Amino acid sequence: MTDTSANPAAENPLLARHGEALDLFTERVHAVRPDQWDAPTPCTEWTVRDLVNHLAVEQMWVPALLREGASAGGESDVLSGDQLGEDPVATWDAAAAVARTAFQEPGALERTVDLSYGASPATEYCAQMTADATVHAWDLARAIGADERLPRPLVDFSVREVAPYAADLEKSGLFAAPVDPPPNADAQTKLLALLGRET
């Protein structure tokens, strides 16, 4: 019998998907060439560096929100601006590691976090972070010419997560309006279309 006590993700499907999404984005970050950090991305306002910084800052917030009861609404300027420094890859790796650890701590998913739009169960926060990392992994892959395929379990998870509120994401100003997927589109294409990406 395998001992899963040292690996909470082995027993929790949400943590498993979260870890997979972080790993996927990490692979893409490590594939960025030195001359690609200023390249454009499907997120029209962001370069590759901006995109990686966005995801890194999201991860940096996780410990404060889960452990310290910080508010992403009232203190969101604490981690504003570029946080990547001179070694963006190392900064991303460190940010991903602290987020993974914080979500996997005993009782972490039973807490409530104070996000920019109000209080939210930590499980919903983790699910949002998982879908966000998954879709942005595609953005980053397209920007740098890497493999754009997303693992089917992460695609299916992200569709279930995003579909109920996809129409509201455009209002945030961070997402384009949903687009109609082409006929006979696969699951990944439908997910990306839901979030305003044309493949």
C-alpha atoms as a PDB file:
ATOM      1  CA  MET A   1       0.000   0.000   0.000  1.00  0.00           C
ATOM      2  CA  THR A   2       1.335   3.449  -0.940  1.00  0.00           C
ATOM      3  CA  ASP A   3       1.792   5.970   1.854  1.00  0.00           C
ATOM      4  CA  THR A   4       0.095   9.226   0.807  1.00  0.00           C
ATOM      5  CA  SER A   5       0.425  11.012   4.142  1.00  0.00           C
ATOM      6  CA  ALA A   6       3.407  13.050   2.963  1.00  0.00           C
ATOM      7  CA  ASN A   7       1.587  14.115  -0.196  1.00  0.00           C
ATOM      8  CA  PRO A   8      -1.842  15.665   0.468  1.00  0.00           C
ATOM      9  CA  ALA A   9      -2.449  16.066  -3.270  1.00  0.00           C
ATOM     10  CA  ALA A  10      -2.459  12.287  -3.641  1.00  0.00           C
ATOM     11  CA  GLU A  11      -5.694  12.102  -1.639  1.00  0.00           C
ATOM     12  CA  ASN A  12      -7.392  15.322  -2.752  1.00  0.00           C
ATOM     13  CA  PRO A  13      -8.497  15.733  -6.393  1.00  0.00           C
ATOM     14  CA  LEU A  14      -8.567  19.531  -6.132  1.00  0.00           C
ATOM     15  CA  LEU A  15      -4.999  19.680  -4.838  1.00  0.00           C
ATOM     16  CA  ALA A  16      -3.952  17.212  -7.517  1.00  0.00           C
ATOM     17  CA  ARG A  17      -5.359  19.403 -10.291  1.00  0.00           C
ATOM     18  CA  HIS A  18      -3.842  22.509  -8.687  1.00  0.00           C
ATOM     19  CA  GLY A  19      -0.424  20.890  -8.589  1.00  0.00           C
ATOM     20  CA  GLU A  20      -0.741  19.767 -12.199  1.00  0.00           C
ATOM     21  CA  ALA A  21      -1.650  23.297 -13.307  1.00  0.00           C
ATOM     22  CA  LEU A  22       1.350  24.746 -11.481  1.00  0.00           C
ATOM     23  CA  ASP A  23       3.605  22.125 -13.045  1.00  0.00           C
ATOM     24  CA  LEU A  24       2.223  22.885 -16.498  1.00  0.00           C
ATOM     25  CA  PHE A  25       2.816  26.613 -16.176  1.00  0.00           C
ATOM     26  CA  THR A  26       6.255  25.956 -14.695  1.00  0.00           C
ATOM     27  CA  GLU A  27       7.231  23.908 -17.748  1.00  0.00           C
ATOM     28  CA  ARG A  28       6.280  26.827 -19.977  1.00  0.00           C
ATOM     29  CA  VAL A  29       8.170  29.361 -17.845  1.00  0.00           C
ATOM     30  CA  HIS A  30      11.303  27.246 -18.046  1.00  0.00           C
ATOM     31  CA  ALA A  31      10.941  27.168 -21.842  1.00  0.00           C
ATOM     32  CA  VAL A  32      11.040  30.965 -22.218  1.00  0.00           C
ATOM     33  CA  ARG A  33      14.180  32.029 -24.070  1.00  0.00           C
ATOM     34  CA  PRO A  34      16.050  35.145 -22.890  1.00  0.00           C
ATOM     35  CA  ASP A  35      14.910  37.052 -25.979  1.00  0.00           C
ATOM     36  CA  GLN A  36      11.215  36.231 -25.441  1.00  0.00           C
ATOM     37  CA  TRP A  37      10.401  38.070 -22.216  1.00  0.00           C
ATOM     38  CA  ASP A  38       9.175  41.149 -24.099  1.00  0.00           C
ATOM     39  CA  ALA A  39       7.224  39.139 -26.687  1.00  0.00           C
ATOM     40  CA  PRO A  40       3.454  39.720 -27.000  1.00  0.00           C
ATOM     41  CA  THR A  41       0.925  37.228 -25.642  1.00  0.00           C
ATOM     42  CA  PRO A  42      -2.733  36.467 -26.405  1.00  0.00           C
ATOM     43  CA  CYS A  43      -3.468  38.694 -23.381  1.00  0.00           C
ATOM     44  CA  THR A  44      -3.167  41.808 -25.525  1.00  0.00           C
ATOM     45  CA  GLU A  45      -1.989  44.151 -22.788  1.00  0.00           C
ATOM     46  CA  TRP A  46       0.704  41.788 -21.527  1.00  0.00           C
ATOM     47  CA  THR A  47       4.146  40.726 -22.638  1.00  0.00           C
ATOM     48  CA  VAL A  48       5.524  37.335 -21.631  1.00  0.00           C
ATOM     49  CA  ARG A  49       7.122  38.970 -18.599  1.00  0.00           C
ATOM     50  CA  ASP A  50       3.842  40.654 -17.648  1.00  0.00           C
ATOM     51  CA  LEU A  51       2.005  37.341 -17.910  1.00  0.00           C
ATOM     52  CA  VAL A  52       4.502  35.442 -15.776  1.00  0.00           C
ATOM     53  CA  ASN A  53       4.542  38.303 -13.272  1.00  0.00           C
ATOM     54  CA  HIS A  54       0.745  38.174 -13.026  1.00  0.00           C
ATOM     55  CA  LEU A  55       0.793  34.468 -12.219  1.00  0.00           C
ATOM     56  CA  ALA A  56       3.736  34.839  -9.829  1.00  0.00           C
ATOM     57  CA  VAL A  57       2.012  37.594  -7.870  1.00  0.00           C
ATOM     58  CA  GLU A  58      -1.136  35.461  -7.629  1.00  0.00           C
ATOM     59  CA  GLN A  59       0.960  32.690  -6.060  1.00  0.00           C
ATOM     60  CA  MET A  60       2.699  35.129  -3.705  1.00  0.00           C
ATOM     61  CA  TRP A  61      -0.687  36.124  -2.299  1.00  0.00           C
ATOM     62  CA  VAL A  62      -1.688  32.585  -1.350  1.00  0.00           C
ATOM     63  CA  PRO A  63       0.177  32.263   1.981  1.00  0.00           C
ATOM     64  CA  ALA A  64      -0.992  35.653   3.231  1.00  0.00           C
ATOM     65  CA  LEU A  65      -4.609  34.974   2.323  1.00  0.00           C
ATOM     66  CA  LEU A  66      -4.703  31.441   3.712  1.00  0.00           C
ATOM     67  CA  ARG A  67      -2.522  31.765   6.794  1.00  0.00           C
ATOM     68  CA  GLU A  68      -2.717  35.399   7.840  1.00  0.00           C
ATOM     69  CA  GLY A  69      -6.217  36.421   6.855  1.00  0.00           C
ATOM     70  CA  ALA A  70      -4.933  39.190   4.610  1.00  0.00           C
ATOM     71  CA  SER A  71      -7.346  40.933   2.261  1.00  0.00           C
ATOM     72  CA  ALA A  72      -6.631  40.999  -1.458  1.00  0.00           C
ATOM     73  CA  GLY A  73      -9.094  43.865  -1.686  1.00  0.00           C
ATOM     74  CA  GLY A  74      -7.707  46.257   0.877  1.00  0.00           C
ATOM     75  CA  GLU A  75      -4.019  45.504   0.438  1.00  0.00           C
ATOM     76  CA  SER A  76      -3.773  44.568  -3.227  1.00  0.00           C
ATOM     77  CA  ASP A  77      -1.100  47.215  -3.867  1.00  0.00           C
ATOM     78  CA  VAL A  78       1.360  45.392  -1.591  1.00  0.00           C
ATOM     79  CA  LEU A  79       2.516  43.215  -4.466  1.00  0.00           C
ATOM     80  CA  SER A  80       1.796  45.634  -7.282  1.00  0.00           C
ATOM     81  CA  GLY A  81       4.208  46.183 -10.139  1.00  0.00           C
ATOM     82  CA  ASP A  82       6.877  43.863 -11.443  1.00  0.00           C
ATOM     83  CA  GLN A  83       7.978  41.338  -8.827  1.00  0.00           C
ATOM     84  CA  LEU A  84      10.090  39.091 -11.051  1.00  0.00           C
ATOM     85  CA  GLY A  85      13.430  40.808 -10.514  1.00  0.00           C
ATOM     86  CA  GLU A  86      16.559  39.777 -12.370  1.00  0.00           C
ATOM     87  CA  ASP A  87      15.731  36.055 -12.433  1.00  0.00           C
ATOM     88  CA  PRO A  88      12.087  35.640 -13.481  1.00  0.00           C
ATOM     89  CA  VAL A  89      12.288  31.855 -13.626  1.00  0.00           C
ATOM     90  CA  ALA A  90      13.641  31.518 -10.084  1.00  0.00           C
ATOM     91  CA  THR A  91      11.043  34.011  -8.833  1.00  0.00           C
ATOM     92  CA  TRP A  92       8.258  31.997 -10.439  1.00  0.00           C
ATOM     93  CA  ASP A  93       9.591  28.730  -9.011  1.00  0.00           C
ATOM     94  CA  ALA A  94       9.709  30.195  -5.501  1.00  0.00           C
ATOM     95  CA  ALA A  95       6.222  31.702  -5.787  1.00  0.00           C
ATOM     96  CA  ALA A  96       4.737  28.439  -7.070  1.00  0.00           C
ATOM     97  CA  ALA A  97       6.389  26.499  -4.262  1.00  0.00           C
ATOM     98  CA  VAL A  98       4.989  28.693  -1.479  1.00  0.00           C
ATOM     99  CA  ALA A  99       1.499  28.592  -2.992  1.00  0.00           C
ATOM    100  CA  ARG A 100       1.574  24.813  -3.340  1.00  0.00           C
ATOM    101  CA  THR A 101       2.761  24.413   0.244  1.00  0.00           C
ATOM    102  CA  ALA A 102       0.142  26.793   1.638  1.00  0.00           C
ATOM    103  CA  PHE A 103      -2.762  25.036  -0.098  1.00  0.00           C
ATOM    104  CA  GLN A 104      -1.515  21.624   1.054  1.00  0.00           C
ATOM    105  CA  GLU A 105      -1.261  22.529   4.743  1.00  0.00           C
ATOM    106  CA  PRO A 106      -3.720  20.674   7.003  1.00  0.00           C
ATOM    107  CA  GLY A 107      -7.016  22.535   7.159  1.00  0.00           C
ATOM    108  CA  ALA A 108      -6.085  25.092   4.494  1.00  0.00           C
ATOM    109  CA  LEU A 109      -8.976  24.203   2.204  1.00  0.00           C
ATOM    110  CA  GLU A 110     -11.437  24.489   5.087  1.00  0.00           C
ATOM    111  CA  ARG A 111     -10.709  28.204   5.538  1.00  0.00           C
ATOM    112  CA  THR A 112     -12.316  31.308   4.069  1.00  0.00           C
ATOM    113  CA  VAL A 113     -10.231  33.867   2.198  1.00  0.00           C
ATOM    114  CA  ASP A 114     -10.888  37.560   1.615  1.00  0.00           C
ATOM    115  CA  LEU A 115     -10.545  38.142  -2.120  1.00  0.00           C
ATOM    116  CA  SER A 116     -11.010  41.350  -4.110  1.00  0.00           C
ATOM    117  CA  TYR A 117     -14.732  40.601  -4.548  1.00  0.00           C
ATOM    118  CA  GLY A 118     -15.333  39.431  -0.970  1.00  0.00           C
ATOM    119  CA  ALA A 119     -15.119  36.329   1.186  1.00  0.00           C
ATOM    120  CA  SER A 120     -14.722  33.008  -0.605  1.00  0.00           C
ATOM    121  CA  PRO A 121     -14.200  29.405   0.510  1.00  0.00           C
ATOM    122  CA  ALA A 122     -10.583  28.363   0.071  1.00  0.00           C
ATOM    123  CA  THR A 123     -11.721  25.470  -2.113  1.00  0.00           C
ATOM    124  CA  GLU A 124     -13.228  27.934  -4.606  1.00  0.00           C
ATOM    125  CA  TYR A 125     -10.090  30.072  -4.454  1.00  0.00           C
ATOM    126  CA  CYS A 126      -7.917  27.036  -5.202  1.00  0.00           C
ATOM    127  CA  ALA A 127     -10.187  26.016  -8.080  1.00  0.00           C
ATOM    128  CA  GLN A 128     -10.003  29.493  -9.598  1.00  0.00           C
ATOM    129  CA  MET A 129      -6.229  29.511  -9.298  1.00  0.00           C
ATOM    130  CA  THR A 130      -6.092  26.103 -10.983  1.00  0.00           C
ATOM    131  CA  ALA A 131      -8.178  27.189 -13.970  1.00  0.00           C
ATOM    132  CA  ASP A 132      -6.259  30.456 -14.252  1.00  0.00           C
ATOM    133  CA  ALA A 133      -2.884  28.721 -14.362  1.00  0.00           C
ATOM    134  CA  THR A 134      -4.193  26.218 -16.903  1.00  0.00           C
ATOM    135  CA  VAL A 135      -5.469  28.803 -19.370  1.00  0.00           C
ATOM    136  CA  HIS A 136      -2.470  31.082 -18.919  1.00  0.00           C
ATOM    137  CA  ALA A 137      -0.215  28.103 -19.637  1.00  0.00           C
ATOM    138  CA  TRP A 138      -1.798  28.064 -23.087  1.00  0.00           C
ATOM    139  CA  ASP A 139      -1.269  31.829 -23.417  1.00  0.00           C
ATOM    140  CA  LEU A 140       2.382  31.456 -22.532  1.00  0.00           C
ATOM    141  CA  ALA A 141       2.862  28.468 -24.818  1.00  0.00           C
ATOM    142  CA  ARG A 142       1.409  30.362 -27.762  1.00  0.00           C
ATOM    143  CA  ALA A 143       3.558  33.393 -27.018  1.00  0.00           C
ATOM    144  CA  ILE A 144       6.825  31.450 -26.986  1.00  0.00           C
ATOM    145  CA  GLY A 145       6.047  28.789 -29.574  1.00  0.00           C
ATOM    146  CA  ALA A 146       5.844  25.905 -27.090  1.00  0.00           C
ATOM    147  CA  ASP A 147       3.462  22.946 -27.020  1.00  0.00           C
ATOM    148  CA  GLU A 148      -0.057  24.395 -26.695  1.00  0.00           C
ATOM    149  CA  ARG A 149      -1.778  21.153 -25.733  1.00  0.00           C
ATOM    150  CA  LEU A 150      -3.404  21.156 -22.308  1.00  0.00           C
ATOM    151  CA  PRO A 151      -3.939  17.926 -20.350  1.00  0.00           C
ATOM    152  CA  ARG A 152      -7.538  16.770 -20.696  1.00  0.00           C
ATOM    153  CA  PRO A 153      -8.145  16.470 -16.910  1.00  0.00           C
ATOM    154  CA  LEU A 154      -7.157  20.131 -16.503  1.00  0.00           C
ATOM    155  CA  VAL A 155      -9.298  21.179 -19.466  1.00  0.00           C
ATOM    156  CA  ASP A 156     -12.351  19.380 -18.082  1.00  0.00           C
ATOM    157  CA  PHE A 157     -11.728  20.782 -14.602  1.00  0.00           C
ATOM    158  CA  SER A 158     -11.341  24.327 -15.948  1.00  0.00           C
ATOM    159  CA  VAL A 159     -14.522  24.138 -18.025  1.00  0.00           C
ATOM    160  CA  ARG A 160     -16.510  23.053 -14.967  1.00  0.00           C
ATOM    161  CA  GLU A 161     -14.920  25.826 -12.929  1.00  0.00           C
ATOM    162  CA  VAL A 162     -15.228  28.688 -15.409  1.00  0.00           C
ATOM    163  CA  ALA A 163     -18.511  27.976 -17.201  1.00  0.00           C
ATOM    164  CA  PRO A 164     -20.833  29.296 -14.446  1.00  0.00           C
ATOM    165  CA  TYR A 165     -19.212  32.744 -14.411  1.00  0.00           C
ATOM    166  CA  ALA A 166     -17.559  33.024 -17.821  1.00  0.00           C
ATOM    167  CA  ALA A 167     -20.011  35.695 -18.979  1.00  0.00           C
ATOM    168  CA  ASP A 168     -19.017  37.920 -16.054  1.00  0.00           C
ATOM    169  CA  LEU A 169     -15.270  37.700 -16.675  1.00  0.00           C
ATOM    170  CA  GLU A 170     -15.381  40.228 -19.524  1.00  0.00           C
ATOM    171  CA  LYS A 171     -16.712  42.827 -17.068  1.00  0.00           C
ATOM    172  CA  SER A 172     -13.531  42.503 -15.012  1.00  0.00           C
ATOM    173  CA  GLY A 173     -11.522  43.926 -17.895  1.00  0.00           C
ATOM    174  CA  LEU A 174      -9.058  41.035 -17.649  1.00  0.00           C
ATOM    175  CA  PHE A 175     -10.750  38.774 -20.201  1.00  0.00           C
ATOM    176  CA  ALA A 176     -12.060  39.193 -23.711  1.00  0.00           C
ATOM    177  CA  ALA A 177     -15.664  38.339 -24.492  1.00  0.00           C
ATOM    178  CA  PRO A 178     -16.385  34.667 -25.161  1.00  0.00           C
ATOM    179  CA  VAL A 179     -16.153  33.669 -28.819  1.00  0.00           C
ATOM    180  CA  ASP A 180     -18.017  30.975 -30.706  1.00  0.00           C
ATOM    181  CA  PRO A 181     -15.870  27.863 -31.073  1.00  0.00           C
ATOM    182  CA  PRO A 182     -15.604  26.373 -34.545  1.00  0.00           C
ATOM    183  CA  PRO A 183     -17.814  23.409 -35.472  1.00  0.00           C
ATOM    184  CA  ASN A 184     -16.627  20.114 -34.008  1.00  0.00           C
ATOM    185  CA  ALA A 185     -14.251  21.931 -31.669  1.00  0.00           C
ATOM    186  CA  ASP A 186     -12.457  19.803 -29.105  1.00  0.00           C
ATOM    187  CA  ALA A 187     -12.709  20.391 -25.369  1.00  0.00           C
ATOM    188  CA  GLN A 188      -9.603  22.563 -25.209  1.00  0.00           C
ATOM    189  CA  THR A 189     -10.788  24.836 -28.019  1.00  0.00           C
ATOM    190  CA  LYS A 190     -14.176  25.203 -26.312  1.00  0.00           C
ATOM    191  CA  LEU A 191     -12.482  26.173 -23.045  1.00  0.00           C
ATOM    192  CA  LEU A 192     -10.329  28.770 -24.743  1.00  0.00           C
ATOM    193  CA  ALA A 193     -13.315  30.169 -26.654  1.00  0.00           C
ATOM    194  CA  LEU A 194     -15.204  30.472 -23.382  1.00  0.00           C
ATOM    195  CA  LEU A 195     -12.426  32.775 -22.201  1.00  0.00           C
ATOM    196  CA  GLY A 196     -12.224  34.844 -25.365  1.00  0.00           C
ATOM    197  CA  ARG A 197      -9.288  33.105 -26.997  1.00  0.00           C
ATOM    198  CA  GLU A 198      -9.319  32.332 -30.690  1.00  0.00           C
ATOM    199  CA  THR A 199      -7.115  29.427 -31.659  1.00  0.00           C
END
